[in-house]
Amino acid sequence: MPRWQRVYVSACAGIAAFALAYALTDYAHIPHVYYLPVDRSFRVADRMAGLPMGYVGLWLWGVVAGAVAAAVAWFAAGRARRPLGERALGLALAWTATAFVFAAGYFVWNNWP
C-alpha cells in the first residue's frame, strides 16, 4: 500500500474516532475534566452544576481515542500488500463524514429548546 493511502486511512480513522469519542463521553456520562473558571481549578466528574467548562475533558477523550484509532489503522494498513481501491478510499471518507455528522447532530439536538 502506498504511503499516502496509509496516511489517508489513518487520518480518517483518527478523525472518526475523535468525533465519536467526543460525543460518546457526553452521552454516556463518562467522567472527564472540567475547568471551573471562577475557582481557577480543574475537577474530574461526569456532570457538574454551575458554569464549568467541560469541553477540556471532551477534547482530551477525543484526542486519546483519535490517536489510538489512528495508530491501529496505521499498523493495520502497513500489513496490507495491495493498494486500496477508489471505492475503499471513498468509504473511509464517508465513514469519517458520518461520524462527524453524528457527533455534531448530537450536540445540536441537545441545544434544541
PDB file of N, CA and C in Angstrom:
ATOM      1  N   MET A   1       0.849  -1.173   0.000  1.00  0.00           N
ATOM      2  CA  MET A   1       0.000   0.000   0.000  1.00  0.00           C
ATOM      3  C   MET A   1       0.895   1.237   0.000  1.00  0.00           C
ATOM      4  N   PRO A   2       0.589   2.180  -0.871  1.00  0.00           N
ATOM      5  CA  PRO A   2       1.390   3.411  -0.892  1.00  0.00           C
ATOM      6  C   PRO A   2       1.271   4.184   0.422  1.00  0.00           C
ATOM      7  N   ARG A   3       2.295   4.943   0.703  1.00  0.00           N
ATOM      8  CA  ARG A   3       2.326   5.691   1.965  1.00  0.00           C
ATOM      9  C   ARG A   3       1.183   6.691   2.071  1.00  0.00           C
ATOM     10  N   TRP A   4       0.815   7.334   0.979  1.00  0.00           N
ATOM     11  CA  TRP A   4      -0.254   8.331   1.043  1.00  0.00           C
ATOM     12  C   TRP A   4      -1.579   7.689   1.421  1.00  0.00           C
ATOM     13  N   GLN A   5      -1.809   6.451   0.975  1.00  0.00           N
ATOM     14  CA  GLN A   5      -3.036   5.761   1.354  1.00  0.00           C
ATOM     15  C   GLN A   5      -3.010   5.375   2.833  1.00  0.00           C
ATOM     16  N   ARG A   6      -1.850   5.007   3.305  1.00  0.00           N
ATOM     17  CA  ARG A   6      -1.707   4.657   4.725  1.00  0.00           C
ATOM     18  C   ARG A   6      -1.989   5.882   5.599  1.00  0.00           C
ATOM     19  N   VAL A   7      -1.474   7.024   5.201  1.00  0.00           N
ATOM     20  CA  VAL A   7      -1.726   8.266   5.937  1.00  0.00           C
ATOM     21  C   VAL A   7      -3.205   8.643   5.851  1.00  0.00           C
ATOM     22  N   TYR A   8      -3.790   8.496   4.690  1.00  0.00           N
ATOM     23  CA  TYR A   8      -5.199   8.827   4.467  1.00  0.00           C
ATOM     24  C   TYR A   8      -6.110   7.978   5.350  1.00  0.00           C
ATOM     25  N   VAL A   9      -5.889   6.673   5.354  1.00  0.00           N
ATOM     26  CA  VAL A   9      -6.716   5.768   6.157  1.00  0.00           C
ATOM     27  C   VAL A   9      -6.523   6.054   7.646  1.00  0.00           C
ATOM     28  N   SER A  10      -5.305   6.312   8.058  1.00  0.00           N
ATOM     29  CA  SER A  10      -5.036   6.624   9.470  1.00  0.00           C
ATOM     30  C   SER A  10      -5.713   7.927   9.877  1.00  0.00           C
ATOM     31  N   ALA A  11      -5.655   8.924   9.020  1.00  0.00           N
ATOM     32  CA  ALA A  11      -6.299  10.199   9.327  1.00  0.00           C
ATOM     33  C   ALA A  11      -7.817  10.043   9.408  1.00  0.00           C
ATOM     34  N   CYS A  12      -8.386   9.292   8.493  1.00  0.00           N
ATOM     35  CA  CYS A  12      -9.837   9.062   8.525  1.00  0.00           C
ATOM     36  C   CYS A  12     -10.247   8.341   9.813  1.00  0.00           C
ATOM     37  N   ALA A  13      -9.494   7.321  10.188  1.00  0.00           N
ATOM     38  CA  ALA A  13      -9.807   6.583  11.412  1.00  0.00           C
ATOM     39  C   ALA A  13      -9.656   7.467  12.641  1.00  0.00           C
ATOM     40  N   GLY A  14      -8.615   8.276  12.682  1.00  0.00           N
ATOM     41  CA  GLY A  14      -8.399   9.156  13.822  1.00  0.00           C
ATOM     42  C   GLY A  14      -9.472  10.217  13.963  1.00  0.00           C
ATOM     43  N   ILE A  15      -9.864  10.814  12.849  1.00  0.00           N
ATOM     44  CA  ILE A  15     -10.899  11.854  12.895  1.00  0.00           C
ATOM     45  C   ILE A  15     -12.244  11.262  13.288  1.00  0.00           C
ATOM     46  N   ALA A  16     -12.581  10.107  12.732  1.00  0.00           N
ATOM     47  CA  ALA A  16     -13.849   9.461  13.082  1.00  0.00           C
ATOM     48  C   ALA A  16     -13.878   9.073  14.558  1.00  0.00           C
ATOM     49  N   ALA A  17     -12.793   8.519  15.064  1.00  0.00           N
ATOM     50  CA  ALA A  17     -12.734   8.131  16.473  1.00  0.00           C
ATOM     51  C   ALA A  17     -12.800   9.356  17.379  1.00  0.00           C
ATOM     52  N   PHE A  18     -12.146  10.445  16.994  1.00  0.00           N
ATOM     53  CA  PHE A  18     -12.213  11.675  17.771  1.00  0.00           C
ATOM     54  C   PHE A  18     -13.657  12.157  17.893  1.00  0.00           C
ATOM     55  N   ALA A  19     -14.350  12.238  16.766  1.00  0.00           N
ATOM     56  CA  ALA A  19     -15.727  12.743  16.770  1.00  0.00           C
ATOM     57  C   ALA A  19     -16.643  11.864  17.607  1.00  0.00           C
ATOM     58  N   LEU A  20     -16.516  10.553  17.458  1.00  0.00           N
ATOM     59  CA  LEU A  20     -17.381   9.649  18.207  1.00  0.00           C
ATOM     60  C   LEU A  20     -17.062   9.658  19.697  1.00  0.00           C
ATOM     61  N   ALA A  21     -15.790   9.691  20.062  1.00  0.00           N
ATOM     62  CA  ALA A  21     -15.421   9.727  21.481  1.00  0.00           C
ATOM     63  C   ALA A  21     -15.845  11.046  22.112  1.00  0.00           C
ATOM     64  N   TYR A  22     -15.739  12.130  21.385  1.00  0.00           N
ATOM     65  CA  TYR A  22     -16.146  13.443  21.887  1.00  0.00           C
ATOM     66  C   TYR A  22     -17.627  13.426  22.262  1.00  0.00           C
ATOM     67  N   ALA A  23     -18.473  12.876  21.377  1.00  0.00           N
ATOM     68  CA  ALA A  23     -19.910  12.827  21.641  1.00  0.00           C
ATOM     69  C   ALA A  23     -20.255  11.743  22.657  1.00  0.00           C
ATOM     70  N   LEU A  24     -19.603  10.599  22.584  1.00  0.00           N
ATOM     71  CA  LEU A  24     -19.909   9.493  23.491  1.00  0.00           C
ATOM     72  C   LEU A  24     -19.574   9.830  24.936  1.00  0.00           C
ATOM     73  N   THR A  25     -18.540  10.606  25.157  1.00  0.00           N
ATOM     74  CA  THR A  25     -18.169  10.999  26.511  1.00  0.00           C
ATOM     75  C   THR A  25     -19.301  11.778  27.174  1.00  0.00           C
ATOM     76  N   ASP A  26     -19.915  12.662  26.437  1.00  0.00           N
ATOM     77  CA  ASP A  26     -21.029  13.431  26.981  1.00  0.00           C
ATOM     78  C   ASP A  26     -22.283  12.569  27.098  1.00  0.00           C
ATOM     79  N   TYR A  27     -22.568  11.776  26.088  1.00  0.00           N
ATOM     80  CA  TYR A  27     -23.783  10.961  26.073  1.00  0.00           C
ATOM     81  C   TYR A  27     -23.783   9.905  27.181  1.00  0.00           C
ATOM     82  N   ALA A  28     -22.665   9.236  27.389  1.00  0.00           N
ATOM     83  CA  ALA A  28     -22.586   8.142  28.359  1.00  0.00           C
ATOM     84  C   ALA A  28     -22.213   8.618  29.762  1.00  0.00           C
ATOM     85  N   HIS A  29     -22.080   9.915  29.952  1.00  0.00           N
ATOM     86  CA  HIS A  29     -21.726  10.489  31.262  1.00  0.00           C
ATOM     87  C   HIS A  29     -20.415   9.915  31.786  1.00  0.00           C
ATOM     88  N   ILE A  30     -19.439   9.789  30.912  1.00  0.00           N
ATOM     89  CA  ILE A  30     -18.111   9.314  31.306  1.00  0.00           C
ATOM     90  C   ILE A  30     -17.402  10.453  32.039  1.00  0.00           C
ATOM     91  N   PRO A  31     -16.828  10.178  33.205  1.00  0.00           N
ATOM     92  CA  PRO A  31     -16.140  11.258  33.921  1.00  0.00           C
ATOM     93  C   PRO A  31     -15.012  11.853  33.075  1.00  0.00           C
ATOM     94  N   HIS A  32     -14.965  13.169  33.076  1.00  0.00           N
ATOM     95  CA  HIS A  32     -13.914  13.864  32.341  1.00  0.00           C
ATOM     96  C   HIS A  32     -13.548  15.152  33.066  1.00  0.00           C
ATOM     97  N   VAL A  33     -12.542  15.813  32.580  1.00  0.00           N
ATOM     98  CA  VAL A  33     -12.004  17.007  33.216  1.00  0.00           C
ATOM     99  C   VAL A  33     -12.912  18.201  32.934  1.00  0.00           C
ATOM    100  N   TYR A  34     -13.195  18.955  33.968  1.00  0.00           N
ATOM    101  CA  TYR A  34     -13.910  20.225  33.867  1.00  0.00           C
ATOM    102  C   TYR A  34     -12.999  21.331  34.363  1.00  0.00           C
ATOM    103  N   TYR A  35     -13.094  22.481  33.731  1.00  0.00           N
ATOM    104  CA  TYR A  35     -12.382  23.654  34.221  1.00  0.00           C
ATOM    105  C   TYR A  35     -13.401  24.583  34.859  1.00  0.00           C
ATOM    106  N   LEU A  36     -13.143  25.005  36.092  1.00  0.00           N
ATOM    107  CA  LEU A  36     -14.012  25.928  36.808  1.00  0.00           C
ATOM    108  C   LEU A  36     -13.348  27.309  36.788  1.00  0.00           C
ATOM    109  N   PRO A  37     -13.800  28.213  35.910  1.00  0.00           N
ATOM    110  CA  PRO A  37     -13.107  29.492  35.755  1.00  0.00           C
ATOM    111  C   PRO A  37     -13.191  30.390  36.986  1.00  0.00           C
ATOM    112  N   VAL A  38     -14.265  30.290  37.752  1.00  0.00           N
ATOM    113  CA  VAL A  38     -14.390  31.127  38.943  1.00  0.00           C
ATOM    114  C   VAL A  38     -13.373  30.702  40.000  1.00  0.00           C
ATOM    115  N   ASP A  39     -13.229  29.381  40.169  1.00  0.00           N
ATOM    116  CA  ASP A  39     -12.272  28.846  41.146  1.00  0.00           C
ATOM    117  C   ASP A  39     -10.859  28.726  40.593  1.00  0.00           C
ATOM    118  N   ARG A  40     -10.745  28.833  39.271  1.00  0.00           N
ATOM    119  CA  ARG A  40      -9.467  28.602  38.590  1.00  0.00           C
ATOM    120  C   ARG A  40      -8.877  27.244  38.951  1.00  0.00           C
ATOM    121  N   SER A  41      -9.712  26.220  38.806  1.00  0.00           N
ATOM    122  CA  SER A  41      -9.278  24.866  39.148  1.00  0.00           C
ATOM    123  C   SER A  41      -9.884  23.865  38.162  1.00  0.00           C
ATOM    124  N   PHE A  42      -9.339  22.676  38.195  1.00  0.00           N
ATOM    125  CA  PHE A  42      -9.821  21.582  37.366  1.00  0.00           C
ATOM    126  C   PHE A  42     -10.437  20.524  38.270  1.00  0.00           C
ATOM    127  N   ARG A  43     -11.503  19.877  37.798  1.00  0.00           N
ATOM    128  CA  ARG A  43     -12.136  18.789  38.534  1.00  0.00           C
ATOM    129  C   ARG A  43     -12.484  17.679  37.548  1.00  0.00           C
ATOM    130  N   VAL A  44     -12.559  16.458  38.053  1.00  0.00           N
ATOM    131  CA  VAL A  44     -12.982  15.323  37.245  1.00  0.00           C
ATOM    132  C   VAL A  44     -14.346  14.881  37.751  1.00  0.00           C
ATOM    133  N   ALA A  45     -15.328  14.864  36.859  1.00  0.00           N
ATOM    134  CA  ALA A  45     -16.691  14.465  37.212  1.00  0.00           C
ATOM    135  C   ALA A  45     -17.434  14.087  35.940  1.00  0.00           C
ATOM    136  N   ASP A  46     -18.596  13.444  36.118  1.00  0.00           N
ATOM    137  CA  ASP A  46     -19.385  13.120  34.934  1.00  0.00           C
ATOM    138  C   ASP A  46     -20.345  14.262  34.581  1.00  0.00           C
ATOM    139  N   ARG A  47     -20.863  14.971  35.565  1.00  0.00           N
ATOM    140  CA  ARG A  47     -21.694  16.162  35.367  1.00  0.00           C
ATOM    141  C   ARG A  47     -21.409  17.126  36.507  1.00  0.00           C
ATOM    142  N   MET A  48     -21.504  18.420  36.216  1.00  0.00           N
ATOM    143  CA  MET A  48     -21.290  19.432  37.250  1.00  0.00           C
ATOM    144  C   MET A  48     -22.320  20.535  37.079  1.00  0.00           C
ATOM    145  N   ALA A  49     -22.751  21.097  38.206  1.00  0.00           N
ATOM    146  CA  ALA A  49     -23.665  22.231  38.171  1.00  0.00           C
ATOM    147  C   ALA A  49     -22.854  23.523  38.122  1.00  0.00           C
ATOM    148  N   GLY A  50     -23.502  24.584  37.747  1.00  0.00           N
ATOM    149  CA  GLY A  50     -22.816  25.862  37.708  1.00  0.00           C
ATOM    150  C   GLY A  50     -22.318  26.183  36.307  1.00  0.00           C
ATOM    151  N   LEU A  51     -21.154  26.814  36.253  1.00  0.00           N
ATOM    152  CA  LEU A  51     -20.579  27.239  34.979  1.00  0.00           C
ATOM    153  C   LEU A  51     -19.254  26.537  34.665  1.00  0.00           C
ATOM    154  N   PRO A  52     -19.216  25.224  34.709  1.00  0.00           N
ATOM    155  CA  PRO A  52     -17.960  24.557  34.373  1.00  0.00           C
ATOM    156  C   PRO A  52     -17.773  24.498  32.859  1.00  0.00           C
ATOM    157  N   MET A  53     -16.522  24.395  32.459  1.00  0.00           N
ATOM    158  CA  MET A  53     -16.181  24.246  31.039  1.00  0.00           C
ATOM    159  C   MET A  53     -15.765  22.794  30.816  1.00  0.00           C
ATOM    160  N   GLY A  54     -16.679  22.020  30.288  1.00  0.00           N
ATOM    161  CA  GLY A  54     -16.429  20.603  30.112  1.00  0.00           C
ATOM    162  C   GLY A  54     -15.751  20.223  28.820  1.00  0.00           C
ATOM    163  N   TYR A  55     -15.598  21.177  27.915  1.00  0.00           N
ATOM    164  CA  TYR A  55     -15.004  20.841  26.625  1.00  0.00           C
ATOM    165  C   TYR A  55     -13.552  20.395  26.760  1.00  0.00           C
ATOM    166  N   VAL A  56     -12.888  20.812  27.845  1.00  0.00           N
ATOM    167  CA  VAL A  56     -11.494  20.397  28.054  1.00  0.00           C
ATOM    168  C   VAL A  56     -11.418  18.880  28.138  1.00  0.00           C
ATOM    169  N   GLY A  57     -12.268  18.287  28.959  1.00  0.00           N
ATOM    170  CA  GLY A  57     -12.281  16.837  29.104  1.00  0.00           C
ATOM    171  C   GLY A  57     -12.785  16.119  27.868  1.00  0.00           C
ATOM    172  N   LEU A  58     -13.762  16.721  27.198  1.00  0.00           N
ATOM    173  CA  LEU A  58     -14.260  16.117  25.958  1.00  0.00           C
ATOM    174  C   LEU A  58     -13.154  16.062  24.913  1.00  0.00           C
ATOM    175  N   TRP A  59     -12.386  17.148  24.813  1.00  0.00           N
ATOM    176  CA  TRP A  59     -11.266  17.169  23.870  1.00  0.00           C
ATOM    177  C   TRP A  59     -10.219  16.125  24.236  1.00  0.00           C
ATOM    178  N   LEU A  60      -9.939  15.994  25.524  1.00  0.00           N
ATOM    179  CA  LEU A  60      -8.930  15.008  25.937  1.00  0.00           C
ATOM    180  C   LEU A  60      -9.352  13.587  25.570  1.00  0.00           C
ATOM    181  N   TRP A  61     -10.603  13.224  25.860  1.00  0.00           N
ATOM    182  CA  TRP A  61     -11.081  11.896  25.481  1.00  0.00           C
ATOM    183  C   TRP A  61     -11.043  11.718  23.958  1.00  0.00           C
ATOM    184  N   GLY A  62     -11.445  12.742  23.240  1.00  0.00           N
ATOM    185  CA  GLY A  62     -11.432  12.659  21.783  1.00  0.00           C
ATOM    186  C   GLY A  62     -10.039  12.503  21.209  1.00  0.00           C
ATOM    187  N   VAL A  63      -9.078  13.248  21.752  1.00  0.00           N
ATOM    188  CA  VAL A  63      -7.695  13.164  21.265  1.00  0.00           C
ATOM    189  C   VAL A  63      -7.099  11.792  21.553  1.00  0.00           C
ATOM    190  N   VAL A  64      -7.360  11.260  22.739  1.00  0.00           N
ATOM    191  CA  VAL A  64      -6.835   9.930  23.079  1.00  0.00           C
ATOM    192  C   VAL A  64      -7.436   8.874  22.149  1.00  0.00           C
ATOM    193  N   ALA A  65      -8.751   8.907  21.968  1.00  0.00           N
ATOM    194  CA  ALA A  65      -9.396   7.927  21.086  1.00  0.00           C
ATOM    195  C   ALA A  65      -8.920   8.077  19.648  1.00  0.00           C
ATOM    196  N   GLY A  66      -8.781   9.304  19.185  1.00  0.00           N
ATOM    197  CA  GLY A  66      -8.311   9.542  17.823  1.00  0.00           C
ATOM    198  C   GLY A  66      -6.889   9.053  17.606  1.00  0.00           C
ATOM    199  N   ALA A  67      -6.020   9.289  18.592  1.00  0.00           N
ATOM    200  CA  ALA A  67      -4.630   8.833  18.470  1.00  0.00           C
ATOM    201  C   ALA A  67      -4.539   7.315  18.469  1.00  0.00           C
ATOM    202  N   VAL A  68      -5.319   6.673  19.320  1.00  0.00           N
ATOM    203  CA  VAL A  68      -5.298   5.194  19.362  1.00  0.00           C
ATOM    204  C   VAL A  68      -5.833   4.623  18.049  1.00  0.00           C
ATOM    205  N   ALA A  69      -6.952   5.155  17.560  1.00  0.00           N
ATOM    206  CA  ALA A  69      -7.523   4.649  16.304  1.00  0.00           C
ATOM    207  C   ALA A  69      -6.589   4.896  15.120  1.00  0.00           C
ATOM    208  N   ALA A  70      -5.950   6.059  15.093  1.00  0.00           N
ATOM    209  CA  ALA A  70      -5.012   6.342  14.001  1.00  0.00           C
ATOM    210  C   ALA A  70      -3.811   5.409  14.055  1.00  0.00           C
ATOM    211  N   ALA A  71      -3.317   5.120  15.246  1.00  0.00           N
ATOM    212  CA  ALA A  71      -2.180   4.204  15.372  1.00  0.00           C
ATOM    213  C   ALA A  71      -2.557   2.788  14.952  1.00  0.00           C
ATOM    214  N   VAL A  72      -3.736   2.335  15.358  1.00  0.00           N
ATOM    215  CA  VAL A  72      -4.189   0.998  14.958  1.00  0.00           C
ATOM    216  C   VAL A  72      -4.355   0.927  13.441  1.00  0.00           C
ATOM    217  N   ALA A  73      -4.966   1.954  12.856  1.00  0.00           N
ATOM    218  CA  ALA A  73      -5.145   1.976  11.403  1.00  0.00           C
ATOM    219  C   ALA A  73      -3.807   2.042  10.682  1.00  0.00           C
ATOM    220  N   TRP A  74      -2.846   2.771  11.233  1.00  0.00           N
ATOM    221  CA  TRP A  74      -1.522   2.878  10.625  1.00  0.00           C
ATOM    222  C   TRP A  74      -0.843   1.506  10.547  1.00  0.00           C
ATOM    223  N   PHE A  75      -0.878   0.780  11.663  1.00  0.00           N
ATOM    224  CA  PHE A  75      -0.230  -0.525  11.672  1.00  0.00           C
ATOM    225  C   PHE A  75      -1.010  -1.561  10.863  1.00  0.00           C
ATOM    226  N   ALA A  76      -2.328  -1.481  10.879  1.00  0.00           N
ATOM    227  CA  ALA A  76      -3.129  -2.409  10.070  1.00  0.00           C
ATOM    228  C   ALA A  76      -2.934  -2.135   8.582  1.00  0.00           C
ATOM    229  N   ALA A  77      -2.864  -0.869   8.197  1.00  0.00           N
ATOM    230  CA  ALA A  77      -2.649  -0.534   6.785  1.00  0.00           C
ATOM    231  C   ALA A  77      -1.248  -0.911   6.339  1.00  0.00           C
ATOM    232  N   GLY A  78      -0.294  -0.926   7.252  1.00  0.00           N
ATOM    233  CA  GLY A  78       1.070  -1.322   6.915  1.00  0.00           C
ATOM    234  C   GLY A  78       1.188  -2.791   6.556  1.00  0.00           C
ATOM    235  N   ARG A  79       0.250  -3.590   7.036  1.00  0.00           N
ATOM    236  CA  ARG A  79       0.275  -5.022   6.733  1.00  0.00           C
ATOM    237  C   ARG A  79      -0.343  -5.348   5.376  1.00  0.00           C
ATOM    238  N   ALA A  80      -1.076  -4.410   4.821  1.00  0.00           N
ATOM    239  CA  ALA A  80      -1.712  -4.631   3.520  1.00  0.00           C
ATOM    240  C   ALA A  80      -0.657  -4.615   2.413  1.00  0.00           C
ATOM    241  N   ARG A  81      -0.762  -5.527   1.509  1.00  0.00           N
ATOM    242  CA  ARG A  81       0.208  -5.639   0.411  1.00  0.00           C
ATOM    243  C   ARG A  81      -0.224  -4.843  -0.818  1.00  0.00           C
ATOM    244  N   ARG A  82      -1.518  -4.840  -1.083  1.00  0.00           N
ATOM    245  CA  ARG A  82      -2.019  -4.181  -2.289  1.00  0.00           C
ATOM    246  C   ARG A  82      -2.541  -2.786  -1.957  1.00  0.00           C
ATOM    247  N   PRO A  83      -2.497  -1.883  -2.904  1.00  0.00           N
ATOM    248  CA  PRO A  83      -3.099  -0.563  -2.679  1.00  0.00           C
ATOM    249  C   PRO A  83      -4.621  -0.668  -2.590  1.00  0.00           C
ATOM    250  N   LEU A  84      -5.225   0.243  -1.868  1.00  0.00           N
ATOM    251  CA  LEU A  84      -6.675   0.265  -1.744  1.00  0.00           C
ATOM    252  C   LEU A  84      -7.300   0.807  -3.019  1.00  0.00           C
ATOM    253  N   GLY A  85      -8.482   0.320  -3.302  1.00  0.00           N
ATOM    254  CA  GLY A  85      -9.204   0.807  -4.468  1.00  0.00           C
ATOM    255  C   GLY A  85      -9.876   2.140  -4.192  1.00  0.00           C
ATOM    256  N   GLU A  86     -10.384   2.719  -5.249  1.00  0.00           N
ATOM    257  CA  GLU A  86     -11.051   4.006  -5.129  1.00  0.00           C
ATOM    258  C   GLU A  86     -12.294   3.908  -4.248  1.00  0.00           C
ATOM    259  N   ARG A  87     -12.971   2.779  -4.328  1.00  0.00           N
ATOM    260  CA  ARG A  87     -14.181   2.585  -3.527  1.00  0.00           C
ATOM    261  C   ARG A  87     -13.855   2.520  -2.036  1.00  0.00           C
ATOM    262  N   ALA A  88     -12.789   1.834  -1.661  1.00  0.00           N
ATOM    263  CA  ALA A  88     -12.392   1.732  -0.253  1.00  0.00           C
ATOM    264  C   ALA A  88     -11.983   3.091   0.302  1.00  0.00           C
ATOM    265  N   LEU A  89     -11.293   3.875  -0.492  1.00  0.00           N
ATOM    266  CA  LEU A  89     -10.908   5.214  -0.052  1.00  0.00           C
ATOM    267  C   LEU A  89     -12.135   6.108   0.118  1.00  0.00           C
ATOM    268  N   GLY A  90     -13.091   5.963  -0.764  1.00  0.00           N
ATOM    269  CA  GLY A  90     -14.340   6.721  -0.643  1.00  0.00           C
ATOM    270  C   GLY A  90     -15.139   6.309   0.586  1.00  0.00           C
ATOM    271  N   LEU A  91     -15.140   5.011   0.889  1.00  0.00           N
ATOM    272  CA  LEU A  91     -15.830   4.539   2.090  1.00  0.00           C
ATOM    273  C   LEU A  91     -15.180   5.063   3.364  1.00  0.00           C
ATOM    274  N   ALA A  92     -13.859   5.128   3.373  1.00  0.00           N
ATOM    275  CA  ALA A  92     -13.166   5.676   4.548  1.00  0.00           C
ATOM    276  C   ALA A  92     -13.578   7.128   4.769  1.00  0.00           C
ATOM    277  N   LEU A  93     -13.645   7.899   3.705  1.00  0.00           N
ATOM    278  CA  LEU A  93     -14.073   9.289   3.823  1.00  0.00           C
ATOM    279  C   LEU A  93     -15.540   9.384   4.238  1.00  0.00           C
ATOM    280  N   ALA A  94     -16.379   8.500   3.705  1.00  0.00           N
ATOM    281  CA  ALA A  94     -17.803   8.511   4.056  1.00  0.00           C
ATOM    282  C   ALA A  94     -18.012   8.184   5.532  1.00  0.00           C
ATOM    283  N   TRP A  95     -17.281   7.219   6.060  1.00  0.00           N
ATOM    284  CA  TRP A  95     -17.393   6.879   7.484  1.00  0.00           C
ATOM    285  C   TRP A  95     -16.911   8.039   8.350  1.00  0.00           C
ATOM    286  N   THR A  96     -15.880   8.714   7.913  1.00  0.00           N
ATOM    287  CA  THR A  96     -15.378   9.863   8.660  1.00  0.00           C
ATOM    288  C   THR A  96     -16.416  10.983   8.684  1.00  0.00           C
ATOM    289  N   ALA A  97     -16.997  11.276   7.559  1.00  0.00           N
ATOM    290  CA  ALA A  97     -18.016  12.327   7.490  1.00  0.00           C
ATOM    291  C   ALA A  97     -19.251  11.931   8.299  1.00  0.00           C
ATOM    292  N   THR A  98     -19.636  10.666   8.258  1.00  0.00           N
ATOM    293  CA  THR A  98     -20.790  10.198   9.017  1.00  0.00           C
ATOM    294  C   THR A  98     -20.556  10.336  10.512  1.00  0.00           C
ATOM    295  N   ALA A  99     -19.381   9.984  10.980  1.00  0.00           N
ATOM    296  CA  ALA A  99     -19.066  10.124  12.410  1.00  0.00           C
ATOM    297  C   ALA A  99     -19.126  11.591  12.826  1.00  0.00           C
ATOM    298  N   PHE A 100     -18.606  12.472  11.994  1.00  0.00           N
ATOM    299  CA  PHE A 100     -18.653  13.901  12.294  1.00  0.00           C
ATOM    300  C   PHE A 100     -20.086  14.410  12.326  1.00  0.00           C
ATOM    301  N   VAL A 101     -20.909  13.971  11.386  1.00  0.00           N
ATOM    302  CA  VAL A 101     -22.311  14.401  11.345  1.00  0.00           C
ATOM    303  C   VAL A 101     -23.069  13.888  12.563  1.00  0.00           C
ATOM    304  N   PHE A 102     -22.829  12.633  12.970  1.00  0.00           N
ATOM    305  CA  PHE A 102     -23.479  12.105  14.173  1.00  0.00           C
ATOM    306  C   PHE A 102     -23.093  12.909  15.411  1.00  0.00           C
ATOM    307  N   ALA A 103     -21.818  13.198  15.562  1.00  0.00           N
ATOM    308  CA  ALA A 103     -21.358  13.949  16.729  1.00  0.00           C
ATOM    309  C   ALA A 103     -21.937  15.362  16.728  1.00  0.00           C
ATOM    310  N   ALA A 104     -21.892  16.032  15.597  1.00  0.00           N
ATOM    311  CA  ALA A 104     -22.451  17.385  15.511  1.00  0.00           C
ATOM    312  C   ALA A 104     -23.958  17.355  15.732  1.00  0.00           C
ATOM    313  N   GLY A 105     -24.627  16.368  15.169  1.00  0.00           N
ATOM    314  CA  GLY A 105     -26.075  16.237  15.351  1.00  0.00           C
ATOM    315  C   GLY A 105     -26.462  16.018  16.795  1.00  0.00           C
ATOM    316  N   TYR A 106     -25.671  15.257  17.515  1.00  0.00           N
ATOM    317  CA  TYR A 106     -25.945  15.014  18.937  1.00  0.00           C
ATOM    318  C   TYR A 106     -25.917  16.325  19.722  1.00  0.00           C
ATOM    319  N   PHE A 107     -24.898  17.139  19.502  1.00  0.00           N
ATOM    320  CA  PHE A 107     -24.789  18.384  20.256  1.00  0.00           C
ATOM    321  C   PHE A 107     -25.810  19.424  19.786  1.00  0.00           C
ATOM    322  N   VAL A 108     -26.159  19.439  18.510  1.00  0.00           N
ATOM    323  CA  VAL A 108     -27.207  20.336  18.029  1.00  0.00           C
ATOM    324  C   VAL A 108     -28.542  19.948  18.660  1.00  0.00           C
ATOM    325  N   TRP A 109     -28.815  18.652  18.721  1.00  0.00           N
ATOM    326  CA  TRP A 109     -30.063  18.176  19.311  1.00  0.00           C
ATOM    327  C   TRP A 109     -30.143  18.557  20.794  1.00  0.00           C
ATOM    328  N   ASN A 110     -29.036  18.488  21.519  1.00  0.00           N
ATOM    329  CA  ASN A 110     -29.036  18.845  22.940  1.00  0.00           C
ATOM    330  C   ASN A 110     -29.223  20.337  23.151  1.00  0.00           C
ATOM    331  N   ASN A 111     -28.912  21.156  22.193  1.00  0.00           N
ATOM    332  CA  ASN A 111     -29.107  22.596  22.308  1.00  0.00           C
ATOM    333  C   ASN A 111     -30.474  23.056  21.866  1.00  0.00           C
ATOM    334  N   TRP A 112     -31.261  22.135  21.320  1.00  0.00           N
ATOM    335  CA  TRP A 112     -32.586  22.475  20.845  1.00  0.00           C
ATOM    336  C   TRP A 112     -33.473  22.813  22.046  1.00  0.00           C
ATOM    337  N   PRO A 113     -34.275  23.852  21.940  1.00  0.00           N
ATOM    338  CA  PRO A 113     -35.094  24.261  23.113  1.00  0.00           C
ATOM    339  C   PRO A 113     -36.149  23.299  23.517  1.00  0.00           C
TER     340      PRO A 113
END
